[in-house]
């Protein structure tokens, strides 16, 4: 049974077509064994190292979405896609009329599949569900390129109907259900099989809210973007996870707060399985941790209407950090990076989630993360920026090299004013009388899944078919509670 098509994408609107034709293209530079693309997705200067390449990543909407430019089809059409380490699929063409931010969606070109001579239809369709939003797609195959690096006959989805998602998605997670009989090669799989990279591995540097650009390096890492040694963390097997989903699960072993006066407080040892998700604006943590952050953060007040802890926006300019511990590695997230501003109101970038805890962009802006799918490891360090030195990721059990970052200190917030009085920053309850933040994530979130029940047909596609929360404070009095928190 064919699904009715709600939105025809065969022809681009004149406004979108004009925007597409005027869009500047990135300049690609080849160097001695490396390929680099500027962190500016539109006008960057790329470069080349064999079997690794760096691609532009742009921070959209004040750090709430991170996107990458991808070329699809023949001739190539440049599309801006959300970069998502919490889901595996690549798909394009969201429905702007039902997007959570229609005006944002309409800024970007869509893929006119009728103009690609290399596109092939498959006859298969599916429904993909995210933390917020869903999309019905039809699978096709076509050429996909990032910079000058191309992969051919890549399977991806073209949107037939979607809700609450403003951009298409480039997913880079493992297969959520590795036993799914309908699995196909995702982008990272194809990059490896076609010799673009030696391992299914990449590094991600999202940068802070004051820096609108970051980078992803497929098949490499940059020692000029982190402090100290990378901490090697094994991925938790999905059999130990309540949902059974396979993601970049790692064990969070402690949390804490560093106050503006420099004093720090930390929980006792904990074991909480979390996964980093670049497609999630906010972090989502077990309720005890969520409440501990809110009760310990300077001047934070819980707002039951929205479900957020509200803070004075001026706190973002104070020195201090929200701290995460992974064995011997501390990742300190500055107040500025952990606070999310929406509609002129500032909230902590965290919500409660006792099912699938997530480290979203409010964490990732302070972390340098190397994802090694082949060896099921993540490598973590404090993000910084002191230049650039790209190192190749090889193959085998030691594919990710044991290297030390070139940076000696991470950026920190600057203290302003005549001191800090936490009591002066409190906000009353129920302050959201109009436009409040949504208590669900604003971007593609962790609950990615597929229904396997959809069928559909792209109109005008003429290509050939392809085969086949309890109280938890950071003081010593609550160490026992912290130690008893287990999410594995």
Foldseek 3Di string as FASTA:
>chain_A
DADDFPDADQDDDPVQVVLQVPQADEAWAEDDQATAFALPQGHTYIYGHAQKGKFHWFQPDLNQFIWGWKFWAVVTGIWIATEKQQAFAFEWDEDLVQAPHSVLLSSTHGDNLLPGPFKAFAQAWWWKDFLDKIFIWGWIFTWMDGRPDIFGRAIHTYTRYMHHARTTHQYLWPHFQPPPPPDDQTPLNRCCVVRSHVASKKKWACAFSVDGGTMIMGQWDWLQWFAWWWDKFFADQLVLAPVSTGGLWGWWFKKWKQDLVGDIFIAATATEIEHEIAQFSFWAEAPAAQVQCQVPPQQWDAAVVAQFTWWFPVCQQGWMFIWIDHPPAIFTQASVLQWDDDPNTITGRYHYDLRHTYHYRSRSNQWIWMQGPVQRIIIIGGTAHRDTDMDGQHDDNCRPPGDGRPDHDHDTHDHDDDDDDSNVIHDDYPPPPDDDDHSTTSGGHNPIDIDSPHGHDRPSNDHHHDDDHPHAHRDPVRNVVRHPDHRD
